[in-house]
Protein backbone atom coordinates (compact mmCIF):
# COMPACT_ATOMS: atom_id res chain seq x y z
CA MET A 1 0.00 0.00 0.00
CA ILE A 2 1.08 3.61 -0.59
CA PRO A 3 1.69 5.66 2.59
CA VAL A 4 0.12 9.07 2.09
CA HIS A 5 3.27 10.84 3.30
CA ARG A 6 4.88 9.91 -0.04
CA LEU A 7 2.69 12.67 -1.52
CA ASP A 8 4.03 15.35 0.82
CA TYR A 9 6.22 18.22 -0.27
CA ALA A 10 7.05 21.63 1.19
CA LEU A 11 5.83 24.59 -0.87
CA PRO A 12 6.69 28.20 0.00
CA ASP A 13 3.50 30.26 0.32
CA GLU A 14 4.75 32.81 -2.19
CA LEU A 15 4.67 30.15 -4.95
CA ILE A 16 0.91 29.67 -4.62
CA ALA A 17 -0.41 31.77 -7.51
CA GLN A 18 -2.96 34.29 -6.25
CA ALA A 19 -3.74 35.74 -9.67
CA PRO A 20 -3.46 34.55 -13.27
CA ALA A 21 -0.56 35.50 -15.51
CA GLY A 22 -0.99 38.75 -17.41
CA ARG A 23 -1.83 36.73 -20.51
CA ARG A 24 -3.17 33.17 -20.42
CA ASP A 25 -0.36 31.64 -22.48
CA ALA A 26 2.33 33.62 -20.64
CA SER A 27 2.50 30.78 -18.11
CA ARG A 28 5.62 28.68 -17.92
CA LEU A 29 5.66 25.07 -19.13
CA LEU A 30 7.73 22.33 -17.53
CA VAL A 31 8.13 19.56 -20.12
CA VAL A 32 8.77 15.98 -18.98
CA ASP A 33 10.07 13.54 -21.61
CA ARG A 34 9.33 10.16 -20.05
CA ALA A 35 11.35 8.08 -22.50
CA ALA A 36 14.49 10.19 -22.12
CA ARG A 37 13.75 10.96 -18.45
CA ARG A 38 14.52 14.60 -19.22
CA ILE A 39 13.03 17.88 -17.98
CA SER A 40 12.92 21.08 -20.02
CA HIS A 41 11.84 24.54 -18.89
CA ARG A 42 9.80 26.32 -21.53
CA GLY A 43 6.84 28.68 -21.96
CA PHE A 44 3.28 27.65 -22.72
CA THR A 45 3.52 29.36 -26.11
CA ASP A 46 6.11 26.66 -26.98
CA LEU A 47 3.46 23.94 -26.75
CA PRO A 48 3.08 23.61 -30.57
CA GLU A 49 6.70 22.42 -30.77
CA TYR A 50 5.75 19.30 -28.81
CA LEU A 51 2.60 18.40 -30.74
CA ALA A 52 2.29 17.06 -34.28
CA ALA A 53 -0.28 16.79 -37.04
CA GLY A 54 -2.82 14.13 -36.12
CA ASP A 55 -2.51 14.63 -32.37
CA VAL A 56 -5.82 15.26 -30.61
CA LEU A 57 -6.25 17.57 -27.63
CA VAL A 58 -9.02 16.11 -25.47
CA ARG A 59 -10.44 19.01 -23.46
CA ASN A 60 -13.01 19.41 -20.71
CA ASN A 61 -15.43 22.06 -21.99
CA ALA A 62 -17.37 22.38 -18.73
CA SER A 63 -18.16 25.96 -17.79
CA VAL A 64 -17.80 27.22 -14.22
CA LEU A 65 -21.01 28.58 -12.74
CA PRO A 66 -20.46 31.71 -10.59
CA ALA A 67 -21.84 29.56 -7.81
CA ARG A 68 -20.80 31.47 -4.70
CA LEU A 69 -23.86 33.44 -3.55
CA HIS A 70 -23.95 35.99 -0.74
CA GLY A 71 -27.12 36.28 1.27
CA ARG A 72 -28.62 37.45 4.55
CA ARG A 73 -30.76 35.79 7.17
CA PRO A 74 -33.89 37.51 8.55
CA THR A 75 -31.74 38.52 11.56
CA GLY A 76 -29.33 40.34 9.24
CA GLY A 77 -26.57 37.77 9.59
CA ARG A 78 -24.51 37.04 6.51
CA VAL A 79 -24.69 33.73 4.67
CA GLU A 80 -22.41 32.33 2.00
CA CYS A 81 -23.98 29.63 -0.15
CA LEU A 82 -22.03 27.57 -2.66
CA LEU A 83 -24.14 25.83 -5.30
CA LEU A 84 -22.83 22.34 -6.01
CA ARG A 85 -25.47 20.48 -8.00
CA ARG A 86 -29.06 21.00 -9.11
CA ILE A 87 -31.20 18.16 -7.79
CA SER A 88 -34.63 18.97 -9.21
CA GLY A 89 -37.04 21.77 -10.03
CA ASP A 90 -40.79 22.29 -9.98
CA ARG A 91 -43.40 24.98 -9.42
CA ALA A 92 -42.39 25.18 -5.79
CA GLY A 93 -38.84 26.10 -6.73
CA GLU A 94 -35.49 24.41 -7.34
CA LEU A 95 -33.65 22.02 -5.05
CA TRP A 96 -29.86 22.29 -4.97
CA GLN A 97 -27.09 20.52 -3.13
CA CYS A 98 -25.07 23.28 -1.46
CA LEU A 99 -22.48 24.18 1.10
CA VAL A 100 -23.48 27.03 3.41
CA ARG A 101 -21.58 29.12 5.92
CA PRO A 102 -22.01 29.50 8.82
CA GLY A 103 -23.33 25.95 8.61
CA ARG A 104 -23.93 25.43 12.34
CA ARG A 105 -26.34 28.35 12.48
CA LEU A 106 -28.38 27.28 9.48
CA GLY A 107 -30.43 24.26 10.47
CA VAL A 108 -33.23 22.64 8.54
CA GLY A 109 -36.05 25.15 8.06
CA GLU A 110 -33.79 28.21 8.33
CA THR A 111 -34.13 30.82 5.58
CA PHE A 112 -32.01 33.45 3.85
CA GLU A 113 -32.27 35.79 0.88
CA VAL A 114 -29.86 36.62 -1.94
CA ALA A 115 -29.66 40.14 -3.40
CA ASP A 116 -32.49 41.60 -1.30
CA GLY A 117 -34.90 38.84 -2.22
CA ALA A 118 -33.97 38.07 -5.83
CA LEU A 119 -33.67 34.50 -4.55
CA ARG A 120 -35.30 33.19 -1.41
CA ALA A 121 -33.82 30.09 0.13
CA THR A 122 -34.84 27.52 2.73
CA VAL A 123 -32.56 24.81 4.09
CA ASP A 124 -34.57 21.71 3.22
CA ALA A 125 -32.37 18.88 4.50
CA ASP A 126 -29.00 18.08 6.03
CA LEU A 127 -27.08 15.87 3.58
CA GLY A 128 -24.14 15.17 5.87
CA ASP A 129 -20.44 15.83 5.34
CA GLY A 130 -21.12 19.59 5.45
CA GLY A 131 -23.67 19.56 2.63
CA VAL A 132 -27.28 20.70 2.75
CA ARG A 133 -30.23 20.67 0.38
CA VAL A 134 -31.63 24.12 -0.27
CA ARG A 135 -34.95 25.03 -1.87
CA PHE A 136 -34.77 28.26 -3.90
CA THR A 137 -37.64 30.37 -5.17
CA SER A 138 -37.29 33.38 -7.46
CA VAL A 139 -39.39 36.51 -7.37
CA SER A 140 -38.74 37.28 -11.04
CA GLY A 141 -39.10 33.73 -12.28
CA GLU A 142 -35.47 33.41 -13.38
CA SER A 143 -33.72 30.13 -12.72
CA VAL A 144 -31.14 29.73 -9.98
CA GLU A 145 -28.48 29.30 -12.66
CA GLU A 146 -29.52 32.57 -14.33
CA ALA A 147 -29.51 34.38 -10.99
CA ALA A 148 -26.09 32.96 -10.07
CA SER A 149 -24.66 33.97 -13.44
CA ARG A 150 -25.76 37.52 -12.71
CA LEU A 151 -25.11 37.78 -8.97
CA GLY A 152 -22.60 35.12 -8.00
CA ASP A 153 -18.84 34.95 -7.69
CA VAL A 154 -16.75 32.15 -9.13
CA PRO A 155 -15.94 29.48 -6.52
CA LEU A 156 -12.20 30.00 -6.24
CA PRO A 157 -10.32 27.32 -4.28
CA PRO A 158 -9.52 28.16 -0.65
CA TYR A 159 -5.81 28.76 -1.23
CA ILE A 160 -6.61 31.82 -3.40
CA GLU A 161 -7.22 34.72 -1.04
CA ARG A 162 -9.70 37.44 -1.95
CA PRO A 163 -10.08 39.89 0.95
CA ASP A 164 -12.27 42.17 -1.18
CA ALA A 165 -14.09 42.27 -4.53
CA SER A 166 -11.34 44.10 -6.44
CA ARG A 167 -10.59 41.10 -8.68
CA ARG A 168 -14.21 39.91 -9.05
CA GLU A 169 -14.56 40.62 -12.78
CA GLU A 170 -11.06 39.36 -13.58
CA ASP A 171 -11.81 36.09 -11.80
CA ARG A 172 -15.14 35.71 -13.63
CA GLU A 173 -13.23 35.88 -16.92
CA ARG A 174 -9.97 34.13 -16.13
CA TYR A 175 -11.26 31.24 -13.98
CA GLN A 176 -12.86 29.93 -17.15
CA THR A 177 -11.33 28.37 -20.25
CA VAL A 178 -11.70 30.18 -23.58
CA TYR A 179 -13.40 27.09 -25.02
CA ALA A 180 -15.85 26.57 -22.14
CA ASP A 181 -19.38 25.84 -23.35
CA ARG A 182 -21.44 28.49 -21.59
CA ALA A 183 -24.51 26.29 -22.01
CA ARG A 184 -22.80 23.74 -19.76
CA ARG A 185 -22.42 25.62 -16.47
CA VAL A 186 -21.87 22.38 -14.58
CA ALA A 187 -18.48 22.82 -12.88
CA ALA A 188 -17.89 23.84 -9.28
CA ALA A 189 -14.21 24.33 -10.12
CA ALA A 190 -12.36 25.13 -13.32
CA PRO A 191 -10.53 22.46 -15.34
CA THR A 192 -7.42 24.52 -14.72
CA ALA A 193 -4.99 22.95 -17.21
CA GLY A 194 -7.10 24.54 -19.93
CA LEU A 195 -6.79 28.06 -18.52
CA HIS A 196 -3.48 28.55 -20.39
CA PHE A 197 -4.97 28.31 -23.88
CA THR A 198 -5.80 31.37 -25.97
CA PRO A 199 -7.81 31.50 -29.20
CA GLU A 200 -4.59 32.40 -31.03
CA LEU A 201 -2.71 29.39 -29.65
CA LEU A 202 -5.57 27.06 -30.51
CA ALA A 203 -5.65 28.50 -34.04
CA GLU A 204 -1.90 27.90 -34.42
CA LEU A 205 -2.30 24.31 -33.28
CA GLY A 206 -5.12 23.87 -35.78
CA ARG A 207 -2.92 25.16 -38.61
CA ARG A 208 -0.35 22.53 -37.65
CA GLY A 209 -2.94 19.75 -37.93
CA VAL A 210 -3.61 19.28 -34.22
CA ARG A 211 -7.27 18.46 -33.66
CA THR A 212 -9.49 19.01 -30.62
CA ALA A 213 -12.16 16.82 -29.05
CA ASP A 214 -14.30 17.68 -26.04
CA VAL A 215 -15.61 15.90 -22.98
CA THR A 216 -17.69 17.45 -20.22
CA LEU A 217 -16.84 16.48 -16.66
CA HIS A 218 -18.85 18.19 -13.93
CA VAL A 219 -15.89 19.15 -11.76
CA GLY A 220 -16.81 18.95 -8.07
CA LEU A 221 -15.21 20.27 -4.90
CA GLY A 222 -13.97 16.75 -4.16
CA THR A 223 -11.10 17.56 -6.48
CA PHE A 224 -9.67 19.77 -3.69
CA LYS A 225 -10.24 17.27 -0.87
CA PRO A 226 -6.89 15.99 0.42
CA ILE A 227 -6.34 12.33 1.14
CA GLY A 228 -7.13 11.94 4.82
CA THR A 229 -6.31 8.28 5.26
CA GLU A 230 -3.02 6.69 6.26
CA HIS A 231 -2.73 4.91 2.92
CA VAL A 232 -3.76 6.19 -0.50
CA GLU A 233 -5.82 3.11 -1.34
CA GLU A 234 -8.08 3.68 1.69
CA HIS A 235 -9.24 7.11 0.55
CA PRO A 236 -12.96 7.29 -0.42
CA ILE A 237 -12.73 8.87 -3.86
CA HIS A 238 -15.37 11.38 -4.93
CA SER A 239 -17.53 10.78 -7.99
CA GLU A 240 -18.25 13.20 -10.84
CA VAL A 241 -20.70 13.12 -13.73
CA TYR A 242 -19.19 13.19 -17.20
CA GLU A 243 -20.38 13.22 -20.81
CA ILE A 244 -18.53 12.06 -23.93
CA PRO A 245 -20.05 12.77 -27.35
CA GLU A 246 -19.76 10.13 -30.04
CA SER A 247 -17.30 12.27 -32.04
CA THR A 248 -14.87 12.22 -29.10
CA GLN A 249 -15.39 8.52 -28.48
CA ARG A 250 -14.20 7.82 -32.02
CA VAL A 251 -10.79 9.45 -31.50
CA LEU A 252 -10.09 7.21 -28.51
CA PHE A 253 -10.01 3.95 -30.47
CA PRO A 254 -7.74 2.60 -33.22
CA PRO A 255 -6.93 3.28 -35.94
CA LEU A 256 -5.24 6.32 -34.36
CA ILE A 257 -3.46 8.94 -36.45
CA GLY A 258 -1.62 10.65 -33.61
CA ARG A 259 -1.47 10.88 -29.85
CA ARG A 260 -4.37 11.45 -27.48
CA VAL A 261 -3.26 14.46 -25.43
CA ALA A 262 -5.42 15.00 -22.36
CA VAL A 263 -5.81 18.60 -21.22
CA GLY A 264 -6.07 18.17 -17.47
CA THR A 265 -6.77 15.42 -15.02
CA THR A 266 -10.54 15.81 -15.49
CA SER A 267 -10.18 14.80 -19.13
CA VAL A 268 -8.05 11.82 -18.08
CA ARG A 269 -10.66 10.71 -15.58
CA SER A 270 -13.43 10.87 -18.19
CA ILE A 271 -11.42 8.99 -20.81
CA GLU A 272 -10.17 6.25 -18.52
CA ASP A 273 -13.53 5.70 -16.84
CA PHE A 274 -15.18 5.35 -20.26
CA LEU A 275 -12.52 2.97 -21.61
CA ALA A 276 -12.71 0.82 -18.48
CA VAL A 277 -16.19 -0.17 -19.67
CA HIS A 278 -16.23 0.23 -23.46
CA THR A 279 -14.07 -1.24 -26.21
CA ALA A 280 -15.81 0.65 -29.05
CA PRO A 281 -17.87 3.82 -29.52
CA THR A 282 -21.39 3.50 -28.10
CA GLY A 283 -23.15 4.91 -31.15
CA GLY A 284 -24.33 8.03 -29.36
CA PRO A 285 -23.55 10.43 -26.51
CA TYR A 286 -22.41 8.71 -23.32
CA LEU A 287 -23.36 9.92 -19.83
CA ALA A 288 -21.99 8.30 -16.69
CA GLU A 289 -20.57 8.97 -13.24
CA ALA A 290 -16.84 8.53 -12.76
CA SER A 291 -15.75 7.05 -9.46
CA LEU A 292 -12.37 5.97 -10.78
CA PHE A 293 -9.38 6.47 -8.47
CA ILE A 294 -6.14 6.49 -10.46
CA TYR A 295 -2.92 5.87 -8.57
CA PRO A 296 0.31 3.87 -9.18
CA PRO A 297 0.87 1.33 -10.59
CA ARG A 298 -2.21 1.74 -12.81
CA GLY A 299 -1.81 1.82 -16.59
CA PHE A 300 -3.67 4.01 -19.08
CA ARG A 301 -5.85 2.93 -21.97
CA GLY A 302 -6.62 6.21 -23.71
CA VAL A 303 -4.06 8.91 -22.85
CA ASP A 304 -0.68 9.25 -24.55
CA ALA A 305 0.37 12.69 -23.25
CA LEU A 306 -0.87 14.97 -20.49
CA ILE A 307 -1.06 18.72 -19.88
CA THR A 308 -1.63 19.49 -16.21
CA ASN A 309 -0.99 22.08 -13.52
CA PHE A 310 0.94 21.60 -10.28
CA HIS A 311 -1.24 20.04 -7.58
CA GLN A 312 -1.59 20.20 -3.82
CA PRO A 313 0.23 17.82 -1.47
CA ARG A 314 -1.69 14.66 -0.55
CA SER A 315 -4.15 15.16 -3.41
CA THR A 316 -5.71 12.48 -5.58
CA LEU A 317 -4.50 14.47 -8.59
CA LEU A 318 -0.88 13.92 -7.55
CA CYS A 319 -1.65 10.19 -7.52
CA LEU A 320 -2.93 10.36 -11.10
CA VAL A 321 0.11 12.29 -12.36
CA ALA A 322 2.52 9.92 -10.59
CA ALA A 323 0.78 6.96 -12.23
CA PHE A 324 1.03 8.60 -15.66
CA LEU A 325 4.77 9.27 -15.30
CA THR A 326 5.54 5.53 -15.15
CA PRO A 327 2.41 3.51 -16.05
CA GLY A 328 2.39 0.06 -14.51
CA SER A 329 5.10 1.00 -12.01
CA MET A 330 5.42 2.56 -8.55
CA GLN A 331 8.49 4.59 -9.58
CA GLY A 332 6.43 7.62 -10.61
CA LEU A 333 5.84 8.58 -6.98
CA ASP A 334 9.51 9.34 -6.29
CA TRP A 335 10.08 10.83 -9.73
CA LEU A 336 7.14 13.20 -9.33
CA MET A 337 8.56 14.48 -6.05
CA GLU A 338 11.90 15.09 -7.80
CA ILE A 339 10.13 17.02 -10.57
CA TYR A 340 8.20 19.11 -8.05
CA ALA A 341 11.41 19.85 -6.13
CA GLU A 342 12.96 21.19 -9.33
CA ALA A 343 9.83 23.23 -10.13
CA ILE A 344 10.02 24.80 -6.66
CA ALA A 345 13.74 25.52 -7.06
CA GLU A 346 12.97 27.16 -10.43
CA ARG A 347 10.20 29.24 -8.82
CA TYR A 348 7.26 27.91 -10.84
CA ARG A 349 3.83 29.15 -9.78
CA PHE A 350 1.59 26.46 -8.32
CA PHE A 351 -2.06 25.39 -8.34
CA SER A 352 -5.11 26.73 -10.22
CA TYR A 353 -3.70 30.05 -11.46
CA GLY A 354 -0.17 28.70 -11.68
CA ASP A 355 2.07 27.29 -14.39
CA ALA A 356 1.70 24.09 -16.39
CA MET A 357 3.45 20.81 -17.02
CA LEU A 358 3.47 18.71 -20.20
CA ILE A 359 4.25 15.00 -19.90
CA VAL A 360 5.03 13.27 -23.21
């Protein structure tokens, strides 16, 4: 079994990126050549040098809902409500799975309002593990999603500090990929490896014959939950809904022209969960729930190269990247820690708004 302390590393606070780079593709790119066991330090604009005609970028096109709502109780006390997942909707309103703060003061039956009554909310049930079910009603008749898009803030991860609203509009733009499908506001967190792409860079890749294919994984907050067990294998992995259109399914199976390059761990999770069940395209769109936990020494069926950011200690995402470094082997754990040590020494920026890594 894998002791969780093998996923520990010391990161200076100043290397946790608090804001995006001035331009999306101005991020740095650490390139890992697995065959040569070589590391190169480049810029994200150099990515086309490492891709070839026929390669396919498999991207998560999920859009981040500005799901952090600010409300008030009848007593005047402030409430922060984070929308996680829509459960159902009817004439009586919409039911959502949420996280609320202060949770201890908001029991079942308690109420609050958002934007002076634009949305009225009642805590309907305690779902355990900090989650609650909230029933929303709207005075104007707009949906909760429409209201959140207008009134909410993007749900930045807890390591990004925002003492005031000075960066609110920047975050609403930059904590979203340029290829996000705004009709699919299903993510509680951004698929951050895709934040580095610009329309110009995507156009250059297209001119070079690099294709794109999309999946939609409904990124949940479980992606930020550290492993809390003594051994990696004992960790209860979170599940996430994903969708793969038939056009994307077709690029995952032979005959393959080029490499399948996953943009982010969410794309990897979708691909590998799908291929664990299917050996051919399904003949239509595929919808499922991924509960796949990828850690060494697992192999990979549908990913030949990976673009990813730098991840938190003791995270399930570190497990996935370590497995991809040396598929079928445990050696990726130590190698990943060596790579991260070099990235820290070279002053790379870490986590959601940080720099990127390409593993080929």
